[in-house]
mmCIF file of all heavy atoms, coordinates in Angstrom:
data_MODEL
# 
_entry.id   MODEL 
# 
loop_
_atom_site.group_PDB 
_atom_site.id 
_atom_site.type_symbol 
_atom_site.label_atom_id 
_atom_site.label_alt_id 
_atom_site.label_comp_id 
_atom_site.label_asym_id 
_atom_site.label_entity_id 
_atom_site.label_seq_id 
_atom_site.pdbx_PDB_ins_code 
_atom_site.Cartn_x 
_atom_site.Cartn_y 
_atom_site.Cartn_z 
_atom_site.occupancy 
_atom_site.B_iso_or_equiv 
_atom_site.pdbx_formal_charge 
_atom_site.auth_seq_id 
_atom_site.auth_comp_id 
_atom_site.auth_asym_id 
_atom_site.auth_atom_id 
_atom_site.pdbx_PDB_model_num 
ATOM 1   N N   . LEU A 1 1  ? -0.049  0.021   -7.773  1.00 0.00 ? 1  LEU A N   1 
ATOM 2   C CA  . LEU A 1 1  ? 0.199   0.252   -6.348  1.00 0.00 ? 1  LEU A CA  1 
ATOM 3   C C   . LEU A 1 1  ? 0.074   1.739   -6.026  1.00 0.00 ? 1  LEU A C   1 
ATOM 4   O O   . LEU A 1 1  ? -0.529  2.124   -5.013  1.00 0.00 ? 1  LEU A O   1 
ATOM 5   C CB  . LEU A 1 1  ? 1.579   -0.272  -5.974  1.00 0.00 ? 1  LEU A CB  1 
ATOM 6   C CG  . LEU A 1 1  ? 1.984   -0.136  -4.509  1.00 0.00 ? 1  LEU A CG  1 
ATOM 7   C CD1 . LEU A 1 1  ? 1.011   -0.878  -3.612  1.00 0.00 ? 1  LEU A CD1 1 
ATOM 8   C CD2 . LEU A 1 1  ? 3.402   -0.668  -4.305  1.00 0.00 ? 1  LEU A CD2 1 
ATOM 9   N N   . ARG A 1 2  ? 0.649   2.586   -6.903  1.00 0.00 ? 2  ARG A N   1 
ATOM 10  C CA  . ARG A 1 2  ? 0.531   4.035   -6.690  1.00 0.00 ? 2  ARG A CA  1 
ATOM 11  C C   . ARG A 1 2  ? -0.928  4.476   -6.775  1.00 0.00 ? 2  ARG A C   1 
ATOM 12  O O   . ARG A 1 2  ? -1.367  5.361   -6.020  1.00 0.00 ? 2  ARG A O   1 
ATOM 13  C CB  . ARG A 1 2  ? 1.385   4.781   -7.714  1.00 0.00 ? 2  ARG A CB  1 
ATOM 14  C CG  . ARG A 1 2  ? 2.879   4.701   -7.440  1.00 0.00 ? 2  ARG A CG  1 
ATOM 15  C CD  . ARG A 1 2  ? 3.646   5.687   -8.292  1.00 0.00 ? 2  ARG A CD  1 
ATOM 16  N NE  . ARG A 1 2  ? 3.604   5.327   -9.691  1.00 0.00 ? 2  ARG A NE  1 
ATOM 17  C CZ  . ARG A 1 2  ? 4.513   4.573   -10.309 1.00 0.00 ? 2  ARG A CZ  1 
ATOM 18  N NH1 . ARG A 1 2  ? 5.527   4.088   -9.624  1.00 0.00 ? 2  ARG A NH1 1 
ATOM 19  N NH2 . ARG A 1 2  ? 4.403   4.298   -11.591 1.00 0.00 ? 2  ARG A NH2 1 
ATOM 20  N N   . LEU A 1 3  ? -1.687  3.871   -7.680  1.00 0.00 ? 3  LEU A N   1 
ATOM 21  C CA  . LEU A 1 3  ? -3.106  4.212   -7.816  1.00 0.00 ? 3  LEU A CA  1 
ATOM 22  C C   . LEU A 1 3  ? -3.863  3.862   -6.541  1.00 0.00 ? 3  LEU A C   1 
ATOM 23  O O   . LEU A 1 3  ? -4.722  4.635   -6.087  1.00 0.00 ? 3  LEU A O   1 
ATOM 24  C CB  . LEU A 1 3  ? -3.702  3.468   -9.012  1.00 0.00 ? 3  LEU A CB  1 
ATOM 25  C CG  . LEU A 1 3  ? -5.193  3.693   -9.259  1.00 0.00 ? 3  LEU A CG  1 
ATOM 26  C CD1 . LEU A 1 3  ? -5.470  5.160   -9.587  1.00 0.00 ? 3  LEU A CD1 1 
ATOM 27  C CD2 . LEU A 1 3  ? -5.684  2.794   -10.397 1.00 0.00 ? 3  LEU A CD2 1 
ATOM 28  N N   . ALA A 1 4  ? -3.541  2.714   -5.959  1.00 0.00 ? 4  ALA A N   1 
ATOM 29  C CA  . ALA A 1 4  ? -4.186  2.321   -4.701  1.00 0.00 ? 4  ALA A CA  1 
ATOM 30  C C   . ALA A 1 4  ? -3.893  3.351   -3.618  1.00 0.00 ? 4  ALA A C   1 
ATOM 31  O O   . ALA A 1 4  ? -4.759  3.700   -2.816  1.00 0.00 ? 4  ALA A O   1 
ATOM 32  C CB  . ALA A 1 4  ? -3.712  0.937   -4.277  1.00 0.00 ? 4  ALA A CB  1 
ATOM 33  N N   . LYS A 1 5  ? -2.675  3.850   -3.598  1.00 0.00 ? 5  LYS A N   1 
ATOM 34  C CA  . LYS A 1 5  ? -2.309  4.885   -2.624  1.00 0.00 ? 5  LYS A CA  1 
ATOM 35  C C   . LYS A 1 5  ? -3.104  6.163   -2.867  1.00 0.00 ? 5  LYS A C   1 
ATOM 36  O O   . LYS A 1 5  ? -3.577  6.810   -1.932  1.00 0.00 ? 5  LYS A O   1 
ATOM 37  C CB  . LYS A 1 5  ? -0.812  5.170   -2.714  1.00 0.00 ? 5  LYS A CB  1 
ATOM 38  C CG  . LYS A 1 5  ? 0.067   4.027   -2.234  1.00 0.00 ? 5  LYS A CG  1 
ATOM 39  C CD  . LYS A 1 5  ? 1.527   4.250   -2.559  1.00 0.00 ? 5  LYS A CD  1 
ATOM 40  C CE  . LYS A 1 5  ? 2.076   5.469   -1.847  1.00 0.00 ? 5  LYS A CE  1 
ATOM 41  N NZ  . LYS A 1 5  ? 3.533   5.646   -2.111  1.00 0.00 ? 5  LYS A NZ  1 
ATOM 42  N N   . GLU A 1 6  ? -3.252  6.517   -4.152  1.00 0.00 ? 6  GLU A N   1 
ATOM 43  C CA  . GLU A 1 6  ? -4.006  7.732   -4.483  1.00 0.00 ? 6  GLU A CA  1 
ATOM 44  C C   . GLU A 1 6  ? -5.465  7.630   -4.067  1.00 0.00 ? 6  GLU A C   1 
ATOM 45  O O   . GLU A 1 6  ? -6.118  8.645   -3.824  1.00 0.00 ? 6  GLU A O   1 
ATOM 46  C CB  . GLU A 1 6  ? -3.903  8.002   -5.983  1.00 0.00 ? 6  GLU A CB  1 
ATOM 47  C CG  . GLU A 1 6  ? -2.505  8.405   -6.440  1.00 0.00 ? 6  GLU A CG  1 
ATOM 48  C CD  . GLU A 1 6  ? -2.378  8.433   -7.945  1.00 0.00 ? 6  GLU A CD  1 
ATOM 49  O OE1 . GLU A 1 6  ? -3.411  8.219   -8.622  1.00 0.00 ? 6  GLU A OE1 1 
ATOM 50  O OE2 . GLU A 1 6  ? -1.254  8.655   -8.446  1.00 0.00 ? 6  GLU A OE2 1 
ATOM 51  N N   . LYS A 1 7  ? -5.962  6.416   -3.987  1.00 0.00 ? 7  LYS A N   1 
ATOM 52  C CA  . LYS A 1 7  ? -7.349  6.208   -3.571  1.00 0.00 ? 7  LYS A CA  1 
ATOM 53  C C   . LYS A 1 7  ? -7.485  6.177   -2.055  1.00 0.00 ? 7  LYS A C   1 
ATOM 54  O O   . LYS A 1 7  ? -8.510  5.778   -1.526  1.00 0.00 ? 7  LYS A O   1 
ATOM 55  C CB  . LYS A 1 7  ? -7.896  4.913   -4.188  1.00 0.00 ? 7  LYS A CB  1 
ATOM 56  C CG  . LYS A 1 7  ? -8.120  4.994   -5.692  1.00 0.00 ? 7  LYS A CG  1 
ATOM 57  C CD  . LYS A 1 7  ? -8.669  3.682   -6.213  1.00 0.00 ? 7  LYS A CD  1 
ATOM 58  C CE  . LYS A 1 7  ? -9.008  3.789   -7.693  1.00 0.00 ? 7  LYS A CE  1 
ATOM 59  N NZ  . LYS A 1 7  ? -10.158 4.683   -7.949  1.00 0.00 ? 7  LYS A NZ  1 
ATOM 60  N N   . GLY A 1 8  ? -6.415  6.597   -1.361  1.00 0.00 ? 8  GLY A N   1 
ATOM 61  C CA  . GLY A 1 8  ? -6.490  6.704   0.080   1.00 0.00 ? 8  GLY A CA  1 
ATOM 62  C C   . GLY A 1 8  ? -5.805  5.590   0.829   1.00 0.00 ? 8  GLY A C   1 
ATOM 63  O O   . GLY A 1 8  ? -5.996  5.445   2.032   1.00 0.00 ? 8  GLY A O   1 
ATOM 64  N N   . ILE A 1 9  ? -5.022  4.794   0.121   1.00 0.00 ? 9  ILE A N   1 
ATOM 65  C CA  . ILE A 1 9  ? -4.325  3.692   0.763   1.00 0.00 ? 9  ILE A CA  1 
ATOM 66  C C   . ILE A 1 9  ? -2.830  3.992   0.721   1.00 0.00 ? 9  ILE A C   1 
ATOM 67  O O   . ILE A 1 9  ? -2.193  3.888   -0.309  1.00 0.00 ? 9  ILE A O   1 
ATOM 68  C CB  . ILE A 1 9  ? -4.610  2.356   0.046   1.00 0.00 ? 9  ILE A CB  1 
ATOM 69  C CG1 . ILE A 1 9  ? -6.116  2.118   -0.066  1.00 0.00 ? 9  ILE A CG1 1 
ATOM 70  C CG2 . ILE A 1 9  ? -3.948  1.204   0.781   1.00 0.00 ? 9  ILE A CG2 1 
ATOM 71  C CD1 . ILE A 1 9  ? -6.487  0.932   -0.917  1.00 0.00 ? 9  ILE A CD1 1 
ATOM 72  N N   . SER A 1 10 ? -2.270  4.391   1.842   1.00 0.00 ? 10 SER A N   1 
ATOM 73  C CA  . SER A 1 10 ? -0.839  4.684   1.875   1.00 0.00 ? 10 SER A CA  1 
ATOM 74  C C   . SER A 1 10 ? -0.072  3.389   2.072   1.00 0.00 ? 10 SER A C   1 
ATOM 75  O O   . SER A 1 10 ? -0.614  2.396   2.538   1.00 0.00 ? 10 SER A O   1 
ATOM 76  C CB  . SER A 1 10 ? -0.504  5.674   2.996   1.00 0.00 ? 10 SER A CB  1 
ATOM 77  O OG  . SER A 1 10 ? -0.845  5.117   4.248   1.00 0.00 ? 10 SER A OG  1 
ATOM 78  N N   . THR A 1 11 ? 1.223   3.400   1.735   1.00 0.00 ? 11 THR A N   1 
ATOM 79  C CA  . THR A 1 11 ? 1.995   2.167   1.813   1.00 0.00 ? 11 THR A CA  1 
ATOM 80  C C   . THR A 1 11 ? 3.283   2.356   2.585   1.00 0.00 ? 11 THR A C   1 
ATOM 81  O O   . THR A 1 11 ? 3.974   3.349   2.447   1.00 0.00 ? 11 THR A O   1 
ATOM 82  C CB  . THR A 1 11 ? 2.347   1.635   0.410   1.00 0.00 ? 11 THR A CB  1 
ATOM 83  O OG1 . THR A 1 11 ? 3.076   2.630   -0.292  1.00 0.00 ? 11 THR A OG1 1 
ATOM 84  C CG2 . THR A 1 11 ? 1.102   1.260   -0.344  1.00 0.00 ? 11 THR A CG2 1 
ATOM 85  N N   . HIS A 1 12 ? 3.565   1.387   3.408   1.00 0.00 ? 12 HIS A N   1 
ATOM 86  C CA  . HIS A 1 12 ? 4.886   1.256   4.035   1.00 0.00 ? 12 HIS A CA  1 
ATOM 87  C C   . HIS A 1 12 ? 5.453   -0.033  3.485   1.00 0.00 ? 12 HIS A C   1 
ATOM 88  O O   . HIS A 1 12 ? 4.908   -1.104  3.725   1.00 0.00 ? 12 HIS A O   1 
ATOM 89  C CB  . HIS A 1 12 ? 4.763   1.155   5.556   1.00 0.00 ? 12 HIS A CB  1 
ATOM 90  C CG  . HIS A 1 12 ? 6.001   0.625   6.206   1.00 0.00 ? 12 HIS A CG  1 
ATOM 91  N ND1 . HIS A 1 12 ? 7.158   1.333   6.263   1.00 0.00 ? 12 HIS A ND1 1 
ATOM 92  C CD2 . HIS A 1 12 ? 6.243   -0.566  6.802   1.00 0.00 ? 12 HIS A CD2 1 
ATOM 93  C CE1 . HIS A 1 12 ? 8.074   0.614   6.877   1.00 0.00 ? 12 HIS A CE1 1 
ATOM 94  N NE2 . HIS A 1 12 ? 7.540   -0.552  7.210   1.00 0.00 ? 12 HIS A NE2 1 
ATOM 95  N N   . TRP A 1 13 ? 6.524   0.087   2.684   1.00 0.00 ? 13 TRP A N   1 
ATOM 96  C CA  . TRP A 1 13 ? 6.997   -1.138  2.052   1.00 0.00 ? 13 TRP A CA  1 
ATOM 97  C C   . TRP A 1 13 ? 8.499   -1.215  2.030   1.00 0.00 ? 13 TRP A C   1 
ATOM 98  O O   . TRP A 1 13 ? 9.192   -0.223  1.992   1.00 0.00 ? 13 TRP A O   1 
ATOM 99  C CB  . TRP A 1 13 ? 6.404   -1.297  0.655   1.00 0.00 ? 13 TRP A CB  1 
ATOM 100 C CG  . TRP A 1 13 ? 6.840   -0.292  -0.370  1.00 0.00 ? 13 TRP A CG  1 
ATOM 101 C CD1 . TRP A 1 13 ? 7.128   1.024   -0.204  1.00 0.00 ? 13 TRP A CD1 1 
ATOM 102 C CD2 . TRP A 1 13 ? 7.024   -0.556  -1.758  1.00 0.00 ? 13 TRP A CD2 1 
ATOM 103 N NE1 . TRP A 1 13 ? 7.459   1.591   -1.391  1.00 0.00 ? 13 TRP A NE1 1 
ATOM 104 C CE2 . TRP A 1 13 ? 7.407   0.650   -2.364  1.00 0.00 ? 13 TRP A CE2 1 
ATOM 105 C CE3 . TRP A 1 13 ? 6.893   -1.703  -2.547  1.00 0.00 ? 13 TRP A CE3 1 
ATOM 106 C CZ2 . TRP A 1 13 ? 7.674   0.755   -3.716  1.00 0.00 ? 13 TRP A CZ2 1 
ATOM 107 C CZ3 . TRP A 1 13 ? 7.143   -1.592  -3.893  1.00 0.00 ? 13 TRP A CZ3 1 
ATOM 108 C CH2 . TRP A 1 13 ? 7.527   -0.382  -4.467  1.00 0.00 ? 13 TRP A CH2 1 
ATOM 109 N N   . GLN A 1 14 ? 8.987   -2.450  2.093   1.00 0.00 ? 14 GLN A N   1 
ATOM 110 C CA  . GLN A 1 14 ? 10.409  -2.728  1.993   1.00 0.00 ? 14 GLN A CA  1 
ATOM 111 C C   . GLN A 1 14 ? 10.557  -3.780  0.913   1.00 0.00 ? 14 GLN A C   1 
ATOM 112 O O   . GLN A 1 14 ? 10.426  -4.968  1.158   1.00 0.00 ? 14 GLN A O   1 
ATOM 113 C CB  . GLN A 1 14 ? 10.970  -3.212  3.332   1.00 0.00 ? 14 GLN A CB  1 
ATOM 114 C CG  . GLN A 1 14 ? 10.088  -4.214  4.034   1.00 0.00 ? 14 GLN A CG  1 
ATOM 115 C CD  . GLN A 1 14 ? 10.599  -4.530  5.400   1.00 0.00 ? 14 GLN A CD  1 
ATOM 116 O OE1 . GLN A 1 14 ? 11.286  -3.734  6.019   1.00 0.00 ? 14 GLN A OE1 1 
ATOM 117 N NE2 . GLN A 1 14 ? 10.264  -5.716  5.867   1.00 0.00 ? 14 GLN A NE2 1 
ATOM 118 N N   . LEU A 1 15 ? 10.777  -3.314  -0.305  1.00 0.00 ? 15 LEU A N   1 
ATOM 119 C CA  . LEU A 1 15 ? 10.698  -4.185  -1.466  1.00 0.00 ? 15 LEU A CA  1 
ATOM 120 C C   . LEU A 1 15 ? 11.787  -5.236  -1.458  1.00 0.00 ? 15 LEU A C   1 
ATOM 121 O O   . LEU A 1 15 ? 12.950  -4.934  -1.337  1.00 0.00 ? 15 LEU A O   1 
ATOM 122 C CB  . LEU A 1 15 ? 10.804  -3.360  -2.741  1.00 0.00 ? 15 LEU A CB  1 
ATOM 123 C CG  . LEU A 1 15 ? 10.594  -4.144  -4.041  1.00 0.00 ? 15 LEU A CG  1 
ATOM 124 C CD1 . LEU A 1 15 ? 9.240   -4.797  -4.045  1.00 0.00 ? 15 LEU A CD1 1 
ATOM 125 C CD2 . LEU A 1 15 ? 10.747  -3.240  -5.223  1.00 0.00 ? 15 LEU A CD2 1 
ATOM 126 N N   . SER A 1 16 ? 11.398  -6.472  -1.583  1.00 0.00 ? 16 SER A N   1 
ATOM 127 C CA  . SER A 1 16 ? 12.363  -7.557  -1.719  1.00 0.00 ? 16 SER A CA  1 
ATOM 128 C C   . SER A 1 16 ? 11.801  -8.639  -2.633  1.00 0.00 ? 16 SER A C   1 
ATOM 129 O O   . SER A 1 16 ? 11.878  -9.810  -2.345  1.00 0.00 ? 16 SER A O   1 
ATOM 130 C CB  . SER A 1 16 ? 12.729  -8.134  -0.357  1.00 0.00 ? 16 SER A CB  1 
ATOM 131 O OG  . SER A 1 16 ? 11.582  -8.403  0.403   1.00 0.00 ? 16 SER A OG  1 
ATOM 132 N N   . MET A 1 17 ? 11.178  -8.172  -3.704  1.00 0.00 ? 17 MET A N   1 
ATOM 133 C CA  . MET A 1 17 ? 10.680  -9.033  -4.758  1.00 0.00 ? 17 MET A CA  1 
ATOM 134 C C   . MET A 1 17 ? 9.371   -9.714  -4.399  1.00 0.00 ? 17 MET A C   1 
ATOM 135 O O   . MET A 1 17 ? 8.806   -10.438 -5.172  1.00 0.00 ? 17 MET A O   1 
ATOM 136 C CB  . MET A 1 17 ? 11.720  -10.112 -5.109  1.00 0.00 ? 17 MET A CB  1 
ATOM 137 C CG  . MET A 1 17 ? 11.311  -11.037 -6.240  1.00 0.00 ? 17 MET A CG  1 
ATOM 138 S SD  . MET A 1 17 ? 12.313  -12.490 -6.251  1.00 0.00 ? 17 MET A SD  1 
ATOM 139 C CE  . MET A 1 17 ? 11.546  -13.431 -4.976  1.00 0.00 ? 17 MET A CE  1 
ATOM 140 N N   . TRP A 1 18 ? 8.871   -9.407  -3.245  1.00 0.00 ? 18 TRP A N   1 
ATOM 141 C CA  . TRP A 1 18 ? 7.872   -10.301 -2.705  1.00 0.00 ? 18 TRP A CA  1 
ATOM 142 C C   . TRP A 1 18 ? 6.443   -9.845  -2.952  1.00 0.00 ? 18 TRP A C   1 
ATOM 143 O O   . TRP A 1 18 ? 6.035   -9.648  -4.077  1.00 0.00 ? 18 TRP A O   1 
ATOM 144 C CB  . TRP A 1 18 ? 8.161   -10.537 -1.234  1.00 0.00 ? 18 TRP A CB  1 
ATOM 145 C CG  . TRP A 1 18 ? 9.632   -10.583 -0.991  1.00 0.00 ? 18 TRP A CG  1 
ATOM 146 C CD1 . TRP A 1 18 ? 10.380  -9.700  -0.293  1.00 0.00 ? 18 TRP A CD1 1 
ATOM 147 C CD2 . TRP A 1 18 ? 10.568  -11.539 -1.496  1.00 0.00 ? 18 TRP A CD2 1 
ATOM 148 N NE1 . TRP A 1 18 ? 11.694  -10.044 -0.319  1.00 0.00 ? 18 TRP A NE1 1 
ATOM 149 C CE2 . TRP A 1 18 ? 11.840  -11.165 -1.039  1.00 0.00 ? 18 TRP A CE2 1 
ATOM 150 C CE3 . TRP A 1 18 ? 10.453  -12.667 -2.296  1.00 0.00 ? 18 TRP A CE3 1 
ATOM 151 C CZ2 . TRP A 1 18 ? 12.972  -11.884 -1.341  1.00 0.00 ? 18 TRP A CZ2 1 
ATOM 152 C CZ3 . TRP A 1 18 ? 11.584  -13.383 -2.585  1.00 0.00 ? 18 TRP A CZ3 1 
ATOM 153 C CH2 . TRP A 1 18 ? 12.814  -12.993 -2.109  1.00 0.00 ? 18 TRP A CH2 1 
ATOM 154 N N   . LEU A 1 19 ? 5.689   -9.654  -1.887  1.00 0.00 ? 19 LEU A N   1 
ATOM 155 C CA  . LEU A 1 19 ? 4.257   -9.464  -2.016  1.00 0.00 ? 19 LEU A CA  1 
ATOM 156 C C   . LEU A 1 19 ? 3.878   -8.142  -1.384  1.00 0.00 ? 19 LEU A C   1 
ATOM 157 O O   . LEU A 1 19 ? 3.941   -8.008  -0.178  1.00 0.00 ? 19 LEU A O   1 
ATOM 158 C CB  . LEU A 1 19 ? 3.544   -10.630 -1.313  1.00 0.00 ? 19 LEU A CB  1 
ATOM 159 C CG  . LEU A 1 19 ? 2.066   -10.825 -1.517  1.00 0.00 ? 19 LEU A CG  1 
ATOM 160 C CD1 . LEU A 1 19 ? 1.776   -11.142 -2.962  1.00 0.00 ? 19 LEU A CD1 1 
ATOM 161 C CD2 . LEU A 1 19 ? 1.572   -11.956 -0.637  1.00 0.00 ? 19 LEU A CD2 1 
ATOM 162 N N   . ALA A 1 20 ? 3.501   -7.148  -2.200  1.00 0.00 ? 20 ALA A N   1 
ATOM 163 C CA  . ALA A 1 20 ? 3.170   -5.835  -1.664  1.00 0.00 ? 20 ALA A CA  1 
ATOM 164 C C   . ALA A 1 20 ? 1.713   -5.810  -1.238  1.00 0.00 ? 20 ALA A C   1 
ATOM 165 O O   . ALA A 1 20 ? 0.830   -6.181  -1.986  1.00 0.00 ? 20 ALA A O   1 
ATOM 166 C CB  . ALA A 1 20 ? 3.407   -4.768  -2.721  1.00 0.00 ? 20 ALA A CB  1 
ATOM 167 N N   . VAL A 1 21 ? 1.457   -5.373  -0.023  1.00 0.00 ? 21 VAL A N   1 
ATOM 168 C CA  . VAL A 1 21 ? 0.100   -5.361  0.513   1.00 0.00 ? 21 VAL A CA  1 
ATOM 169 C C   . VAL A 1 21 ? -0.232  -3.964  0.982   1.00 0.00 ? 21 VAL A C   1 
ATOM 170 O O   . VAL A 1 21 ? 0.477   -3.399  1.799   1.00 0.00 ? 21 VAL A O   1 
ATOM 171 C CB  . VAL A 1 21 ? -0.031  -6.344  1.698   1.00 0.00 ? 21 VAL A CB  1 
ATOM 172 C CG1 . VAL A 1 21 ? -1.427  -6.289  2.255   1.00 0.00 ? 21 VAL A CG1 1 
ATOM 173 C CG2 . VAL A 1 21 ? 0.307   -7.747  1.247   1.00 0.00 ? 21 VAL A CG2 1 
ATOM 174 N N   . ALA A 1 22 ? -1.309  -3.391  0.462   1.00 0.00 ? 22 ALA A N   1 
ATOM 175 C CA  . ALA A 1 22 ? -1.755  -2.082  0.915   1.00 0.00 ? 22 ALA A CA  1 
ATOM 176 C C   . ALA A 1 22 ? -3.133  -2.244  1.529   1.00 0.00 ? 22 ALA A C   1 
ATOM 177 O O   . ALA A 1 22 ? -4.010  -2.862  0.955   1.00 0.00 ? 22 ALA A O   1 
ATOM 178 C CB  . ALA A 1 22 ? -1.834  -1.117  -0.263  1.00 0.00 ? 22 ALA A CB  1 
ATOM 179 N N   . LEU A 1 23 ? -3.334  -1.712  2.724   1.00 0.00 ? 23 LEU A N   1 
ATOM 180 C CA  . LEU A 1 23 ? -4.621  -1.904  3.368   1.00 0.00 ? 23 LEU A CA  1 
ATOM 181 C C   . LEU A 1 23 ? -5.120  -0.623  4.018   1.00 0.00 ? 23 LEU A C   1 
ATOM 182 O O   . LEU A 1 23 ? -4.363  0.124   4.606   1.00 0.00 ? 23 LEU A O   1 
ATOM 183 C CB  . LEU A 1 23 ? -4.557  -2.988  4.444   1.00 0.00 ? 23 LEU A CB  1 
ATOM 184 C CG  . LEU A 1 23 ? -3.592  -2.749  5.601   1.00 0.00 ? 23 LEU A CG  1 
ATOM 185 C CD1 . LEU A 1 23 ? -4.234  -3.230  6.879   1.00 0.00 ? 23 LEU A CD1 1 
ATOM 186 C CD2 . LEU A 1 23 ? -2.308  -3.494  5.345   1.00 0.00 ? 23 LEU A CD2 1 
ATOM 187 N N   . PRO A 1 24 ? -6.434  -0.337  3.868   1.00 0.00 ? 24 PRO A N   1 
ATOM 188 C CA  . PRO A 1 24 ? -7.010  0.826   4.516   1.00 0.00 ? 24 PRO A CA  1 
ATOM 189 C C   . PRO A 1 24 ? -7.520  0.470   5.909   1.00 0.00 ? 24 PRO A C   1 
ATOM 190 O O   . PRO A 1 24 ? -8.011  -0.622  6.136   1.00 0.00 ? 24 PRO A O   1 
ATOM 191 C CB  . PRO A 1 24 ? -8.168  1.183   3.595   1.00 0.00 ? 24 PRO A CB  1 
ATOM 192 C CG  . PRO A 1 24 ? -8.586  -0.117  3.003   1.00 0.00 ? 24 PRO A CG  1 
ATOM 193 C CD  . PRO A 1 24 ? -7.366  -0.998  2.960   1.00 0.00 ? 24 PRO A CD  1 
ATOM 194 N N   . VAL A 1 25 ? -7.388  1.403   6.837   1.00 0.00 ? 25 VAL A N   1 
ATOM 195 C CA  . VAL A 1 25 ? -7.929  1.248   8.178   1.00 0.00 ? 25 VAL A CA  1 
ATOM 196 C C   . VAL A 1 25 ? -8.877  2.421   8.409   1.00 0.00 ? 25 VAL A C   1 
ATOM 197 O O   . VAL A 1 25 ? -8.672  3.499   7.870   1.00 0.00 ? 25 VAL A O   1 
ATOM 198 C CB  . VAL A 1 25 ? -6.793  1.237   9.221   1.00 0.00 ? 25 VAL A CB  1 
ATOM 199 C CG1 . VAL A 1 25 ? -7.347  0.937   10.590  1.00 0.00 ? 25 VAL A CG1 1 
ATOM 200 C CG2 . VAL A 1 25 ? -5.759  0.187   8.844   1.00 0.00 ? 25 VAL A CG2 1 
ATOM 201 N N   . LYS A 1 26 ? -9.907  2.239   9.210   1.00 0.00 ? 26 LYS A N   1 
ATOM 202 C CA  . LYS A 1 26 ? -10.978 3.234   9.347   1.00 0.00 ? 26 LYS A CA  1 
ATOM 203 C C   . LYS A 1 26 ? -10.461 4.630   9.650   1.00 0.00 ? 26 LYS A C   1 
ATOM 204 O O   . LYS A 1 26 ? -10.736 5.581   8.934   1.00 0.00 ? 26 LYS A O   1 
ATOM 205 C CB  . LYS A 1 26 ? -11.958 2.792   10.432  1.00 0.00 ? 26 LYS A CB  1 
ATOM 206 C CG  . LYS A 1 26 ? -12.800 1.564   10.027  1.00 0.00 ? 26 LYS A CG  1 
ATOM 207 C CD  . LYS A 1 26 ? -13.779 1.212   11.122  1.00 0.00 ? 26 LYS A CD  1 
ATOM 208 C CE  . LYS A 1 26 ? -14.620 -0.005  10.747  1.00 0.00 ? 26 LYS A CE  1 
ATOM 209 N NZ  . LYS A 1 26 ? -15.554 -0.376  11.819  1.00 0.00 ? 26 LYS A NZ  1 
ATOM 210 N N   . GLN A 1 27 ? -9.691  4.803   10.711  1.00 0.00 ? 27 GLN A N   1 
ATOM 211 C CA  . GLN A 1 27 ? -9.256  6.132   11.111  1.00 0.00 ? 27 GLN A CA  1 
ATOM 212 C C   . GLN A 1 27 ? -7.909  6.501   10.493  1.00 0.00 ? 27 GLN A C   1 
ATOM 213 O O   . GLN A 1 27 ? -7.758  7.535   9.893   1.00 0.00 ? 27 GLN A O   1 
ATOM 214 C CB  . GLN A 1 27 ? -9.181  6.212   12.644  1.00 0.00 ? 27 GLN A CB  1 
ATOM 215 C CG  . GLN A 1 27 ? -10.514 5.974   13.333  1.00 0.00 ? 27 GLN A CG  1 
ATOM 216 C CD  . GLN A 1 27 ? -11.522 7.050   12.989  1.00 0.00 ? 27 GLN A CD  1 
ATOM 217 O OE1 . GLN A 1 27 ? -11.165 8.202   12.788  1.00 0.00 ? 27 GLN A OE1 1 
ATOM 218 N NE2 . GLN A 1 27 ? -12.791 6.666   12.911  1.00 0.00 ? 27 GLN A NE2 1 
# 
């Protein structure tokens, strides 16, 4: 997950054991 962030995908997450989703948007 941290690697995905380093590749330009930042994360807003509230961990509750579930499903972490990181997504890039154009701008």
